[in-house]
Amino acid sequence: MKDTSKHQGLRNQLAKQLEEKGITDKNVLEAIRKIPRHLFLNSSFEDFAYQDKAFPIVANQTISQPYTVAFQTELLQIKKEDKVLEIGTGSGYQTAVLCMLGAKVYSVERQNELFKATSLLLPKLGIRPKHLAFGDGYKGLPNFAPFDSIIVTAGAPIIPKALMAQLKIGGRLVIPVGEDVQVMTLFIRKNETQFEKHEFGDFRFVPLLEDKN
């Protein structure tokens, strides 16, 4: 589990690249600079860790492209101590970014293999989410609701009603919506029944599937 000055140099370059692509949130860029992304990948793929690309991990999932992670995180507008629900823990990299911003992170993963691996990895890196759950992301985590914000890291063909219900008034839900290509969508909860919707262009994600595996 080595993190060298070479890795730090690559992270600085990556953060600069993301800034050039339009990421402006200084805290998000700082998290990208600090978190050793190479430790979230199999060590034989270490060379790819700081390229701005998605990369395959176990259970046919991917570690999202750094730009996508930064873009989604920026849309959440996280403040310290915010209670954030993450749907799709995956490699744990997005979880780490949220924790680094001072959020209390509750994360759900449906792939048991990934859930186990990430549950072991995060504490080793000193990253402590409030709660990691093995479960169905479509259901969210009603026992811990409501949340200040919710981030979905897989492409959803529909907006899960349970997630809308678990968002605080004033809260933000960031979700890629669509089948093959997804539109990054932000919902802001205005009151009990109304949501404001904003769309931010096309992205590609693995699909958000129901039930546990």
N, C-alpha and C. Protein backbone atom coordinates (compact mmCIF):
# COMPACT_ATOMS: atom_id res chain seq x y z
N MET A 1 0.86 -1.21 0.00
CA MET A 1 0.00 0.00 0.00
C MET A 1 0.89 1.24 0.00
N LYS A 2 1.70 1.39 -1.04
CA LYS A 2 2.63 2.52 -1.07
C LYS A 2 2.03 3.70 -1.81
N ASP A 3 2.30 4.89 -1.29
CA ASP A 3 1.91 6.11 -1.97
C ASP A 3 3.15 7.00 -2.00
N THR A 4 3.68 7.21 -3.19
CA THR A 4 4.98 7.87 -3.34
C THR A 4 4.84 9.31 -3.85
N SER A 5 5.96 10.01 -3.89
CA SER A 5 5.92 11.38 -4.42
C SER A 5 5.60 11.37 -5.92
N LYS A 6 5.95 10.28 -6.59
CA LYS A 6 5.58 10.15 -8.02
C LYS A 6 4.04 10.11 -8.13
N HIS A 7 3.40 9.32 -7.27
CA HIS A 7 1.94 9.27 -7.29
C HIS A 7 1.35 10.65 -7.01
N GLN A 8 1.95 11.36 -6.05
CA GLN A 8 1.46 12.70 -5.70
C GLN A 8 1.57 13.63 -6.90
N GLY A 9 2.67 13.53 -7.62
CA GLY A 9 2.87 14.35 -8.83
C GLY A 9 1.79 14.06 -9.87
N LEU A 10 1.46 12.77 -10.04
CA LEU A 10 0.44 12.37 -11.01
C LEU A 10 -0.94 12.89 -10.59
N ARG A 11 -1.18 12.89 -9.27
CA ARG A 11 -2.47 13.41 -8.76
C ARG A 11 -2.58 14.92 -9.01
N ASN A 12 -1.47 15.62 -8.79
CA ASN A 12 -1.48 17.07 -9.05
C ASN A 12 -1.80 17.35 -10.51
N GLN A 13 -1.21 16.55 -11.40
CA GLN A 13 -1.47 16.70 -12.85
C GLN A 13 -2.93 16.42 -13.16
N LEU A 14 -3.47 15.36 -12.53
CA LEU A 14 -4.87 14.99 -12.77
C LEU A 14 -5.80 16.12 -12.31
N ALA A 15 -5.54 16.67 -11.14
CA ALA A 15 -6.38 17.77 -10.63
C ALA A 15 -6.34 18.97 -11.58
N LYS A 16 -5.14 19.24 -12.12
CA LYS A 16 -4.97 20.36 -13.05
C LYS A 16 -5.80 20.11 -14.32
N GLN A 17 -5.74 18.87 -14.79
CA GLN A 17 -6.51 18.46 -15.97
C GLN A 17 -8.02 18.65 -15.74
N LEU A 18 -8.49 18.27 -14.56
CA LEU A 18 -9.92 18.39 -14.24
C LEU A 18 -10.33 19.86 -14.15
N GLU A 19 -9.41 20.68 -13.64
CA GLU A 19 -9.68 22.12 -13.57
C GLU A 19 -9.80 22.69 -14.98
N GLU A 20 -8.92 22.22 -15.87
CA GLU A 20 -8.98 22.68 -17.27
C GLU A 20 -10.28 22.24 -17.94
N LYS A 21 -10.83 21.11 -17.48
CA LYS A 21 -12.10 20.61 -18.05
C LYS A 21 -13.31 21.29 -17.43
N GLY A 22 -13.08 22.19 -16.47
CA GLY A 22 -14.21 22.97 -15.95
C GLY A 22 -14.62 22.72 -14.51
N ILE A 23 -13.88 21.87 -13.79
CA ILE A 23 -14.19 21.66 -12.37
C ILE A 23 -13.64 22.86 -11.59
N THR A 24 -14.51 23.54 -10.84
CA THR A 24 -14.08 24.77 -10.15
C THR A 24 -14.05 24.63 -8.63
N ASP A 25 -14.73 23.63 -8.07
CA ASP A 25 -14.80 23.50 -6.61
C ASP A 25 -13.43 23.13 -6.04
N LYS A 26 -12.86 24.07 -5.30
CA LYS A 26 -11.49 23.89 -4.78
C LYS A 26 -11.40 22.68 -3.84
N ASN A 27 -12.45 22.43 -3.05
CA ASN A 27 -12.42 21.30 -2.12
C ASN A 27 -12.43 19.96 -2.85
N VAL A 28 -13.17 19.92 -3.95
CA VAL A 28 -13.21 18.69 -4.76
C VAL A 28 -11.84 18.44 -5.38
N LEU A 29 -11.23 19.48 -5.92
CA LEU A 29 -9.90 19.34 -6.54
C LEU A 29 -8.86 18.92 -5.49
N GLU A 30 -9.00 19.46 -4.29
CA GLU A 30 -8.07 19.11 -3.21
C GLU A 30 -8.21 17.63 -2.84
N ALA A 31 -9.46 17.14 -2.82
CA ALA A 31 -9.70 15.71 -2.53
C ALA A 31 -9.05 14.83 -3.60
N ILE A 32 -9.15 15.25 -4.86
CA ILE A 32 -8.53 14.50 -5.98
C ILE A 32 -7.00 14.47 -5.78
N ARG A 33 -6.45 15.60 -5.31
CA ARG A 33 -5.00 15.68 -5.07
C ARG A 33 -4.57 14.76 -3.93
N LYS A 34 -5.43 14.56 -2.97
CA LYS A 34 -5.03 13.85 -1.76
C LYS A 34 -5.25 12.34 -1.81
N ILE A 35 -6.29 11.90 -2.52
CA ILE A 35 -6.69 10.48 -2.39
C ILE A 35 -5.90 9.61 -3.36
N PRO A 36 -5.21 8.58 -2.84
CA PRO A 36 -4.38 7.71 -3.68
C PRO A 36 -5.23 6.76 -4.53
N ARG A 37 -5.68 7.24 -5.69
CA ARG A 37 -6.60 6.46 -6.53
C ARG A 37 -5.99 5.11 -6.94
N HIS A 38 -4.66 5.05 -7.05
CA HIS A 38 -4.02 3.79 -7.49
C HIS A 38 -4.28 2.66 -6.49
N LEU A 39 -4.56 3.00 -5.23
CA LEU A 39 -4.81 1.96 -4.23
C LEU A 39 -6.22 1.37 -4.34
N PHE A 40 -7.05 1.98 -5.18
CA PHE A 40 -8.41 1.47 -5.40
C PHE A 40 -8.46 0.53 -6.61
N LEU A 41 -7.33 0.39 -7.29
CA LEU A 41 -7.24 -0.50 -8.47
C LEU A 41 -6.31 -1.66 -8.15
N ASN A 42 -6.46 -2.74 -8.87
CA ASN A 42 -5.52 -3.85 -8.79
C ASN A 42 -4.12 -3.29 -9.12
N SER A 43 -3.12 -3.67 -8.32
CA SER A 43 -1.79 -3.04 -8.46
C SER A 43 -1.18 -3.21 -9.86
N SER A 44 -1.62 -4.24 -10.61
CA SER A 44 -1.05 -4.41 -11.96
C SER A 44 -1.56 -3.32 -12.92
N PHE A 45 -2.61 -2.59 -12.51
CA PHE A 45 -3.14 -1.52 -13.36
C PHE A 45 -2.78 -0.12 -12.84
N GLU A 46 -1.80 -0.10 -11.94
CA GLU A 46 -1.45 1.16 -11.28
C GLU A 46 -1.16 2.29 -12.27
N ASP A 47 -0.56 1.93 -13.42
CA ASP A 47 -0.20 2.95 -14.42
C ASP A 47 -1.41 3.71 -14.96
N PHE A 48 -2.60 3.11 -14.86
CA PHE A 48 -3.79 3.74 -15.42
C PHE A 48 -4.51 4.62 -14.39
N ALA A 49 -4.05 4.56 -13.14
CA ALA A 49 -4.83 5.15 -12.04
C ALA A 49 -5.05 6.65 -12.18
N TYR A 50 -4.08 7.35 -12.76
CA TYR A 50 -4.20 8.81 -12.80
C TYR A 50 -4.48 9.35 -14.20
N GLN A 51 -4.94 8.44 -15.07
CA GLN A 51 -5.47 8.91 -16.35
C GLN A 51 -6.94 9.27 -16.11
N ASP A 52 -7.43 10.21 -16.87
CA ASP A 52 -8.83 10.61 -16.68
C ASP A 52 -9.74 9.65 -17.46
N LYS A 53 -9.77 8.41 -16.97
CA LYS A 53 -10.56 7.37 -17.65
C LYS A 53 -11.22 6.48 -16.62
N ALA A 54 -12.36 5.92 -17.02
CA ALA A 54 -12.98 4.87 -16.19
C ALA A 54 -12.15 3.61 -16.37
N PHE A 55 -12.24 2.70 -15.39
CA PHE A 55 -11.43 1.49 -15.50
C PHE A 55 -12.17 0.30 -14.89
N PRO A 56 -12.10 -0.89 -15.53
CA PRO A 56 -12.82 -2.05 -14.99
C PRO A 56 -12.26 -2.49 -13.63
N ILE A 57 -13.19 -2.87 -12.73
CA ILE A 57 -12.79 -3.48 -11.45
C ILE A 57 -13.55 -4.81 -11.34
N VAL A 58 -13.54 -5.45 -10.20
CA VAL A 58 -14.19 -6.76 -10.07
C VAL A 58 -15.70 -6.66 -10.29
N ALA A 59 -16.33 -7.82 -10.51
CA ALA A 59 -17.79 -7.97 -10.62
C ALA A 59 -18.38 -7.16 -11.78
N ASN A 60 -17.58 -7.05 -12.88
CA ASN A 60 -18.05 -6.33 -14.07
C ASN A 60 -18.43 -4.87 -13.81
N GLN A 61 -17.83 -4.27 -12.79
CA GLN A 61 -18.11 -2.87 -12.47
C GLN A 61 -16.92 -2.02 -12.93
N THR A 62 -17.05 -0.71 -12.75
CA THR A 62 -15.92 0.16 -13.12
C THR A 62 -15.66 1.15 -11.99
N ILE A 63 -14.43 1.64 -11.95
CA ILE A 63 -14.12 2.80 -11.12
C ILE A 63 -14.34 3.99 -12.05
N SER A 64 -15.22 4.91 -11.64
CA SER A 64 -15.62 6.00 -12.55
C SER A 64 -14.44 6.86 -12.96
N GLN A 65 -14.59 7.49 -14.12
CA GLN A 65 -13.60 8.45 -14.61
C GLN A 65 -13.47 9.58 -13.56
N PRO A 66 -12.25 10.00 -13.24
CA PRO A 66 -12.07 11.07 -12.25
C PRO A 66 -12.91 12.32 -12.54
N TYR A 67 -13.02 12.69 -13.83
CA TYR A 67 -13.83 13.86 -14.18
C TYR A 67 -15.28 13.66 -13.74
N THR A 68 -15.80 12.45 -13.96
CA THR A 68 -17.20 12.16 -13.59
C THR A 68 -17.38 12.25 -12.08
N VAL A 69 -16.43 11.67 -11.34
CA VAL A 69 -16.47 11.73 -9.87
C VAL A 69 -16.48 13.20 -9.42
N ALA A 70 -15.59 13.98 -9.97
CA ALA A 70 -15.48 15.40 -9.60
C ALA A 70 -16.75 16.16 -9.99
N PHE A 71 -17.26 15.87 -11.17
CA PHE A 71 -18.45 16.57 -11.69
C PHE A 71 -19.67 16.28 -10.81
N GLN A 72 -19.89 15.00 -10.50
CA GLN A 72 -21.03 14.64 -9.66
C GLN A 72 -20.89 15.24 -8.26
N THR A 73 -19.68 15.18 -7.73
CA THR A 73 -19.44 15.68 -6.37
C THR A 73 -19.67 17.19 -6.31
N GLU A 74 -19.20 17.89 -7.34
CA GLU A 74 -19.37 19.34 -7.40
C GLU A 74 -20.87 19.71 -7.41
N LEU A 75 -21.67 18.94 -8.13
CA LEU A 75 -23.12 19.21 -8.19
C LEU A 75 -23.80 19.06 -6.83
N LEU A 76 -23.23 18.22 -5.97
CA LEU A 76 -23.83 17.99 -4.65
C LEU A 76 -23.67 19.19 -3.72
N GLN A 77 -22.65 20.02 -3.97
CA GLN A 77 -22.36 21.20 -3.12
C GLN A 77 -22.28 20.81 -1.64
N ILE A 78 -21.40 19.87 -1.34
CA ILE A 78 -21.31 19.30 0.02
C ILE A 78 -20.72 20.29 1.01
N LYS A 79 -21.36 20.32 2.18
CA LYS A 79 -20.81 21.07 3.31
C LYS A 79 -20.39 20.06 4.38
N LYS A 80 -19.45 20.44 5.23
CA LYS A 80 -19.00 19.55 6.30
C LYS A 80 -20.19 19.06 7.12
N GLU A 81 -20.13 17.79 7.50
CA GLU A 81 -21.19 17.16 8.32
C GLU A 81 -22.47 16.85 7.54
N ASP A 82 -22.53 17.16 6.25
CA ASP A 82 -23.71 16.78 5.46
C ASP A 82 -23.86 15.26 5.50
N LYS A 83 -25.11 14.83 5.56
CA LYS A 83 -25.42 13.40 5.54
C LYS A 83 -25.69 13.02 4.09
N VAL A 84 -24.81 12.18 3.53
CA VAL A 84 -24.88 11.86 2.10
C VAL A 84 -25.12 10.36 1.90
N LEU A 85 -26.08 10.04 1.05
CA LEU A 85 -26.34 8.66 0.66
C LEU A 85 -25.70 8.41 -0.70
N GLU A 86 -24.85 7.39 -0.76
CA GLU A 86 -24.21 7.03 -2.04
C GLU A 86 -24.78 5.67 -2.48
N ILE A 87 -25.31 5.64 -3.70
CA ILE A 87 -25.83 4.40 -4.25
C ILE A 87 -24.79 3.83 -5.22
N GLY A 88 -24.16 2.72 -4.82
CA GLY A 88 -23.10 2.11 -5.63
C GLY A 88 -21.73 2.45 -5.06
N THR A 89 -21.35 1.76 -3.98
CA THR A 89 -20.05 2.03 -3.34
C THR A 89 -18.91 1.73 -4.31
N GLY A 90 -19.06 0.63 -5.07
CA GLY A 90 -18.04 0.27 -6.05
C GLY A 90 -16.67 0.11 -5.42
N SER A 91 -15.67 0.73 -6.03
CA SER A 91 -14.29 0.63 -5.55
C SER A 91 -14.09 1.36 -4.23
N GLY A 92 -15.00 2.30 -3.93
CA GLY A 92 -14.86 3.13 -2.73
C GLY A 92 -14.19 4.47 -3.00
N TYR A 93 -13.80 4.72 -4.23
CA TYR A 93 -13.09 5.98 -4.54
C TYR A 93 -14.01 7.19 -4.36
N GLN A 94 -15.23 7.09 -4.92
CA GLN A 94 -16.17 8.20 -4.74
C GLN A 94 -16.49 8.39 -3.26
N THR A 95 -16.62 7.27 -2.53
CA THR A 95 -16.88 7.32 -1.08
C THR A 95 -15.77 8.12 -0.39
N ALA A 96 -14.53 7.84 -0.78
CA ALA A 96 -13.36 8.51 -0.19
C ALA A 96 -13.41 10.01 -0.46
N VAL A 97 -13.80 10.40 -1.68
CA VAL A 97 -13.89 11.83 -2.02
C VAL A 97 -14.93 12.51 -1.13
N LEU A 98 -16.08 11.86 -0.95
CA LEU A 98 -17.14 12.43 -0.12
C LEU A 98 -16.68 12.57 1.33
N CYS A 99 -16.00 11.54 1.83
CA CYS A 99 -15.49 11.58 3.22
C CYS A 99 -14.46 12.69 3.39
N MET A 100 -13.62 12.84 2.39
CA MET A 100 -12.56 13.87 2.43
C MET A 100 -13.18 15.28 2.51
N LEU A 101 -14.39 15.44 1.95
CA LEU A 101 -15.08 16.73 1.99
C LEU A 101 -15.79 16.95 3.33
N GLY A 102 -15.68 15.95 4.22
CA GLY A 102 -16.27 16.10 5.54
C GLY A 102 -17.71 15.61 5.65
N ALA A 103 -18.20 14.89 4.61
CA ALA A 103 -19.56 14.37 4.65
C ALA A 103 -19.64 13.13 5.53
N LYS A 104 -20.82 12.91 6.11
CA LYS A 104 -21.10 11.64 6.78
C LYS A 104 -21.72 10.75 5.71
N VAL A 105 -20.98 9.75 5.29
CA VAL A 105 -21.38 8.97 4.11
C VAL A 105 -22.03 7.64 4.49
N TYR A 106 -23.20 7.42 3.90
CA TYR A 106 -23.91 6.14 4.01
C TYR A 106 -23.95 5.57 2.60
N SER A 107 -23.36 4.39 2.42
CA SER A 107 -23.18 3.90 1.06
C SER A 107 -23.74 2.48 0.91
N VAL A 108 -24.37 2.22 -0.24
CA VAL A 108 -24.98 0.91 -0.52
C VAL A 108 -24.33 0.28 -1.75
N GLU A 109 -23.98 -0.99 -1.66
CA GLU A 109 -23.41 -1.73 -2.79
C GLU A 109 -24.15 -3.07 -2.94
N ARG A 110 -24.55 -3.39 -4.17
CA ARG A 110 -25.32 -4.63 -4.38
C ARG A 110 -24.45 -5.84 -4.72
N GLN A 111 -23.17 -5.61 -5.09
CA GLN A 111 -22.29 -6.73 -5.43
C GLN A 111 -21.53 -7.15 -4.17
N ASN A 112 -21.78 -8.37 -3.72
CA ASN A 112 -21.21 -8.80 -2.44
C ASN A 112 -19.68 -8.80 -2.46
N GLU A 113 -19.11 -9.22 -3.59
CA GLU A 113 -17.64 -9.29 -3.72
C GLU A 113 -17.02 -7.90 -3.53
N LEU A 114 -17.64 -6.92 -4.17
CA LEU A 114 -17.16 -5.53 -4.06
C LEU A 114 -17.39 -4.98 -2.67
N PHE A 115 -18.56 -5.26 -2.11
CA PHE A 115 -18.90 -4.79 -0.76
C PHE A 115 -17.85 -5.26 0.24
N LYS A 116 -17.48 -6.54 0.15
CA LYS A 116 -16.50 -7.10 1.09
C LYS A 116 -15.12 -6.44 0.90
N ALA A 117 -14.69 -6.35 -0.37
CA ALA A 117 -13.36 -5.80 -0.66
C ALA A 117 -13.25 -4.34 -0.20
N THR A 118 -14.27 -3.55 -0.51
CA THR A 118 -14.24 -2.12 -0.17
C THR A 118 -14.36 -1.90 1.33
N SER A 119 -15.15 -2.75 2.01
CA SER A 119 -15.29 -2.63 3.47
C SER A 119 -13.95 -2.85 4.17
N LEU A 120 -13.08 -3.67 3.56
CA LEU A 120 -11.75 -3.91 4.12
C LEU A 120 -10.77 -2.79 3.74
N LEU A 121 -10.89 -2.32 2.48
CA LEU A 121 -9.93 -1.35 1.96
C LEU A 121 -10.04 0.02 2.64
N LEU A 122 -11.25 0.56 2.76
CA LEU A 122 -11.41 1.94 3.24
C LEU A 122 -10.77 2.19 4.62
N PRO A 123 -11.02 1.32 5.62
CA PRO A 123 -10.37 1.57 6.93
C PRO A 123 -8.84 1.54 6.85
N LYS A 124 -8.30 0.68 5.96
CA LYS A 124 -6.84 0.63 5.79
C LYS A 124 -6.29 1.97 5.31
N LEU A 125 -7.10 2.70 4.55
CA LEU A 125 -6.67 4.00 4.02
C LEU A 125 -7.06 5.15 4.96
N GLY A 126 -7.63 4.78 6.12
CA GLY A 126 -8.03 5.81 7.08
C GLY A 126 -9.30 6.53 6.67
N ILE A 127 -10.10 5.89 5.82
CA ILE A 127 -11.35 6.51 5.35
C ILE A 127 -12.51 5.82 6.07
N ARG A 128 -13.31 6.62 6.80
CA ARG A 128 -14.35 6.01 7.64
C ARG A 128 -15.74 6.55 7.32
N PRO A 129 -16.41 5.89 6.37
CA PRO A 129 -17.81 6.26 6.14
C PRO A 129 -18.64 5.91 7.39
N LYS A 130 -19.79 6.56 7.55
CA LYS A 130 -20.65 6.27 8.70
C LYS A 130 -21.22 4.86 8.61
N HIS A 131 -21.58 4.44 7.38
CA HIS A 131 -22.26 3.15 7.24
C HIS A 131 -22.07 2.61 5.82
N LEU A 132 -21.60 1.36 5.73
CA LEU A 132 -21.53 0.67 4.43
C LEU A 132 -22.55 -0.45 4.48
N ALA A 133 -23.40 -0.53 3.46
CA ALA A 133 -24.46 -1.55 3.46
C ALA A 133 -24.36 -2.41 2.20
N PHE A 134 -24.64 -3.69 2.36
CA PHE A 134 -24.80 -4.60 1.23
C PHE A 134 -26.30 -4.65 0.97
N GLY A 135 -26.75 -4.11 -0.16
CA GLY A 135 -28.19 -4.07 -0.37
C GLY A 135 -28.57 -3.55 -1.74
N ASP A 136 -29.86 -3.31 -1.90
CA ASP A 136 -30.46 -2.88 -3.17
C ASP A 136 -30.53 -1.36 -3.20
N GLY A 137 -29.75 -0.77 -4.09
CA GLY A 137 -29.69 0.69 -4.17
C GLY A 137 -31.02 1.36 -4.49
N TYR A 138 -31.90 0.64 -5.20
CA TYR A 138 -33.22 1.21 -5.53
C TYR A 138 -34.02 1.54 -4.26
N LYS A 139 -33.72 0.82 -3.18
CA LYS A 139 -34.47 1.02 -1.93
C LYS A 139 -33.85 2.11 -1.05
N GLY A 140 -32.58 2.47 -1.34
CA GLY A 140 -31.90 3.45 -0.50
C GLY A 140 -31.66 2.89 0.89
N LEU A 141 -31.61 3.78 1.88
CA LEU A 141 -31.45 3.37 3.29
C LEU A 141 -32.48 4.12 4.14
N PRO A 142 -33.75 3.66 4.09
CA PRO A 142 -34.81 4.40 4.78
C PRO A 142 -34.56 4.59 6.27
N ASN A 143 -33.86 3.63 6.91
CA ASN A 143 -33.62 3.73 8.36
C ASN A 143 -32.74 4.91 8.74
N PHE A 144 -31.95 5.38 7.78
CA PHE A 144 -31.02 6.50 8.05
C PHE A 144 -31.51 7.82 7.45
N ALA A 145 -32.59 7.78 6.69
CA ALA A 145 -33.10 8.99 6.02
C ALA A 145 -33.65 9.97 7.06
N PRO A 146 -33.80 11.26 6.72
CA PRO A 146 -33.53 11.87 5.41
C PRO A 146 -32.06 12.27 5.24
N PHE A 147 -31.67 12.47 3.97
CA PHE A 147 -30.29 12.82 3.62
C PHE A 147 -30.21 14.23 3.04
N ASP A 148 -29.07 14.89 3.31
CA ASP A 148 -28.83 16.22 2.72
C ASP A 148 -28.62 16.09 1.21
N SER A 149 -27.98 15.00 0.81
CA SER A 149 -27.84 14.77 -0.63
C SER A 149 -27.67 13.28 -0.91
N ILE A 150 -27.98 12.93 -2.15
CA ILE A 150 -27.90 11.54 -2.61
C ILE A 150 -27.18 11.53 -3.95
N ILE A 151 -26.21 10.64 -4.06
CA ILE A 151 -25.46 10.49 -5.32
C ILE A 151 -25.62 9.05 -5.81
N VAL A 152 -25.96 8.92 -7.09
CA VAL A 152 -26.12 7.59 -7.69
C VAL A 152 -25.01 7.42 -8.72
N THR A 153 -24.22 6.34 -8.57
CA THR A 153 -23.03 6.18 -9.43
C THR A 153 -23.23 5.07 -10.46
N ALA A 154 -24.50 4.85 -10.86
CA ALA A 154 -24.81 3.90 -11.93
C ALA A 154 -25.96 4.48 -12.73
N GLY A 155 -26.09 4.08 -13.98
CA GLY A 155 -27.12 4.62 -14.87
C GLY A 155 -28.49 4.07 -14.51
N ALA A 156 -29.43 4.96 -14.20
CA ALA A 156 -30.76 4.52 -13.78
C ALA A 156 -31.77 4.71 -14.91
N PRO A 157 -32.43 3.63 -15.33
CA PRO A 157 -33.44 3.78 -16.39
C PRO A 157 -34.64 4.60 -15.90
N ILE A 158 -34.89 4.55 -14.57
CA ILE A 158 -35.97 5.35 -13.98
C ILE A 158 -35.41 6.00 -12.70
N ILE A 159 -36.09 7.02 -12.20
CA ILE A 159 -35.67 7.64 -10.93
C ILE A 159 -36.31 6.83 -9.81
N PRO A 160 -35.53 6.16 -8.97
CA PRO A 160 -36.16 5.38 -7.89
C PRO A 160 -36.93 6.29 -6.92
N LYS A 161 -38.23 5.99 -6.77
CA LYS A 161 -39.11 6.80 -5.89
C LYS A 161 -38.59 6.83 -4.45
N ALA A 162 -38.04 5.69 -4.01
CA ALA A 162 -37.55 5.61 -2.62
C ALA A 162 -36.46 6.65 -2.37
N LEU A 163 -35.62 6.90 -3.38
CA LEU A 163 -34.54 7.87 -3.21
C LEU A 163 -35.09 9.29 -3.11
N MET A 164 -36.09 9.59 -3.96
CA MET A 164 -36.71 10.91 -3.90
C MET A 164 -37.28 11.14 -2.49
N ALA A 165 -37.91 10.11 -1.94
CA ALA A 165 -38.57 10.22 -0.63
C ALA A 165 -37.58 10.41 0.50
N GLN A 166 -36.33 9.92 0.30
CA GLN A 166 -35.33 9.97 1.38
C GLN A 166 -34.50 11.26 1.38
N LEU A 167 -34.85 12.18 0.48
CA LEU A 167 -34.10 13.44 0.37
C LEU A 167 -34.76 14.52 1.24
N LYS A 168 -33.93 15.24 1.98
CA LYS A 168 -34.44 16.37 2.80
C LYS A 168 -34.99 17.45 1.88
N ILE A 169 -35.87 18.28 2.41
CA ILE A 169 -36.30 19.47 1.65
C ILE A 169 -35.08 20.38 1.54
N GLY A 170 -34.80 20.84 0.32
CA GLY A 170 -33.58 21.61 0.06
C GLY A 170 -32.43 20.71 -0.36
N GLY A 171 -32.62 19.39 -0.25
CA GLY A 171 -31.56 18.43 -0.59
C GLY A 171 -31.38 18.24 -2.09
N ARG A 172 -30.24 17.65 -2.47
CA ARG A 172 -29.88 17.49 -3.87
C ARG A 172 -29.65 16.01 -4.20
N LEU A 173 -30.28 15.55 -5.27
CA LEU A 173 -30.08 14.19 -5.78
C LEU A 173 -29.39 14.30 -7.13
N VAL A 174 -28.21 13.68 -7.26
CA VAL A 174 -27.47 13.67 -8.53
C VAL A 174 -27.50 12.25 -9.07
N ILE A 175 -28.10 12.08 -10.25
CA ILE A 175 -28.32 10.74 -10.80
C ILE A 175 -28.19 10.74 -12.32
N PRO A 176 -27.42 9.78 -12.89
CA PRO A 176 -27.37 9.66 -14.34
C PRO A 176 -28.60 8.86 -14.81
N VAL A 177 -29.44 9.48 -15.65
CA VAL A 177 -30.71 8.87 -16.04
C VAL A 177 -30.68 8.46 -17.51
N GLY A 178 -31.03 7.19 -17.77
CA GLY A 178 -31.11 6.72 -19.16
C GLY A 178 -30.64 5.29 -19.29
N GLU A 179 -30.84 4.71 -20.49
CA GLU A 179 -30.48 3.30 -20.70
C GLU A 179 -29.02 3.17 -21.16
N ASP A 180 -28.73 3.40 -22.45
CA ASP A 180 -27.36 3.19 -22.96
C ASP A 180 -26.45 4.37 -22.62
N VAL A 181 -26.97 5.56 -22.90
CA VAL A 181 -26.25 6.78 -22.53
C VAL A 181 -27.13 7.47 -21.50
N GLN A 182 -26.50 8.05 -20.48
CA GLN A 182 -27.29 8.69 -19.44
C GLN A 182 -27.12 10.21 -19.46
N VAL A 183 -28.15 10.91 -19.05
CA VAL A 183 -28.07 12.35 -18.88
C VAL A 183 -27.86 12.61 -17.39
N MET A 184 -26.79 13.31 -17.06
CA MET A 184 -26.53 13.64 -15.65
C MET A 184 -27.62 14.62 -15.20
N THR A 185 -28.36 14.22 -14.17
CA THR A 185 -29.54 14.98 -13.75
C THR A 185 -29.44 15.34 -12.27
N LEU A 186 -29.78 16.59 -11.98
CA LEU A 186 -29.80 17.08 -10.60
C LEU A 186 -31.24 17.42 -10.24
N PHE A 187 -31.72 16.84 -9.14
CA PHE A 187 -33.03 17.20 -8.59
C PHE A 187 -32.81 17.92 -7.26
N ILE A 188 -33.46 19.07 -7.09
CA ILE A 188 -33.42 19.78 -5.81
C ILE A 188 -34.82 19.73 -5.22
N ARG A 189 -34.94 19.21 -4.00
CA ARG A 189 -36.26 19.07 -3.40
C ARG A 189 -36.74 20.40 -2.86
N LYS A 190 -37.86 20.89 -3.39
CA LYS A 190 -38.38 22.21 -3.01
C LYS A 190 -39.33 22.11 -1.82
N ASN A 191 -40.15 21.07 -1.79
CA ASN A 191 -41.08 20.85 -0.68
C ASN A 191 -41.47 19.37 -0.70
N GLU A 192 -42.52 19.01 0.01
CA GLU A 192 -42.91 17.59 0.10
C GLU A 192 -43.13 16.96 -1.27
N THR A 193 -43.68 17.72 -2.21
CA THR A 193 -44.10 17.11 -3.48
C THR A 193 -43.33 17.62 -4.70
N GLN A 194 -42.62 18.74 -4.57
CA GLN A 194 -42.02 19.34 -5.78
C GLN A 194 -40.50 19.26 -5.80
N PHE A 195 -39.99 18.98 -7.00
CA PHE A 195 -38.55 18.90 -7.24
C PHE A 195 -38.20 19.78 -8.44
N GLU A 196 -37.08 20.48 -8.31
CA GLU A 196 -36.56 21.27 -9.44
C GLU A 196 -35.56 20.39 -10.17
N LYS A 197 -35.63 20.36 -11.50
CA LYS A 197 -34.78 19.44 -12.27
C LYS A 197 -33.82 20.22 -13.18
N HIS A 198 -32.54 19.80 -13.18
CA HIS A 198 -31.52 20.39 -14.07
C HIS A 198 -30.79 19.25 -14.78
N GLU A 199 -30.48 19.45 -16.06
CA GLU A 199 -29.76 18.40 -16.81
C GLU A 199 -28.40 18.92 -17.28
N PHE A 200 -27.40 18.00 -17.27
CA PHE A 200 -26.00 18.41 -17.53
C PHE A 200 -25.29 17.54 -18.55
N GLY A 201 -25.97 17.14 -19.62
CA GLY A 201 -25.27 16.45 -20.69
C GLY A 201 -25.07 14.96 -20.47
N ASP A 202 -24.47 14.31 -21.48
CA ASP A 202 -24.40 12.85 -21.54
C ASP A 202 -23.18 12.27 -20.84
N PHE A 203 -23.40 11.15 -20.17
CA PHE A 203 -22.34 10.38 -19.52
C PHE A 203 -22.63 8.90 -19.75
N ARG A 204 -21.64 8.06 -19.48
CA ARG A 204 -21.87 6.62 -19.59
C ARG A 204 -21.52 5.93 -18.28
N PHE A 205 -22.46 5.16 -17.76
CA PHE A 205 -22.28 4.44 -16.50
C PHE A 205 -22.68 2.98 -16.68
N VAL A 206 -22.20 2.12 -15.78
CA VAL A 206 -22.76 0.77 -15.72
C VAL A 206 -24.20 0.92 -15.22
N PRO A 207 -25.09 -0.03 -15.56
CA PRO A 207 -26.50 0.13 -15.18
C PRO A 207 -26.75 -0.04 -13.68
N LEU A 208 -27.73 0.69 -13.17
CA LEU A 208 -28.19 0.51 -11.79
C LEU A 208 -29.17 -0.66 -11.79
N LEU A 209 -28.78 -1.74 -11.13
CA LEU A 209 -29.60 -2.96 -11.14
C LEU A 209 -30.30 -3.12 -9.79
N GLU A 210 -31.43 -3.81 -9.84
CA GLU A 210 -32.17 -4.05 -8.60
C GLU A 210 -31.70 -5.35 -7.93
N ASP A 211 -32.01 -5.48 -6.66
CA ASP A 211 -31.69 -6.66 -5.84
C ASP A 211 -30.19 -6.81 -5.61
N LYS A 212 -29.86 -7.69 -4.65
CA LYS A 212 -28.46 -7.91 -4.30
C LYS A 212 -27.89 -9.03 -5.15
N ASN A 213 -26.57 -9.05 -5.27
CA ASN A 213 -25.94 -10.13 -6.03
C ASN A 213 -24.87 -10.78 -5.15
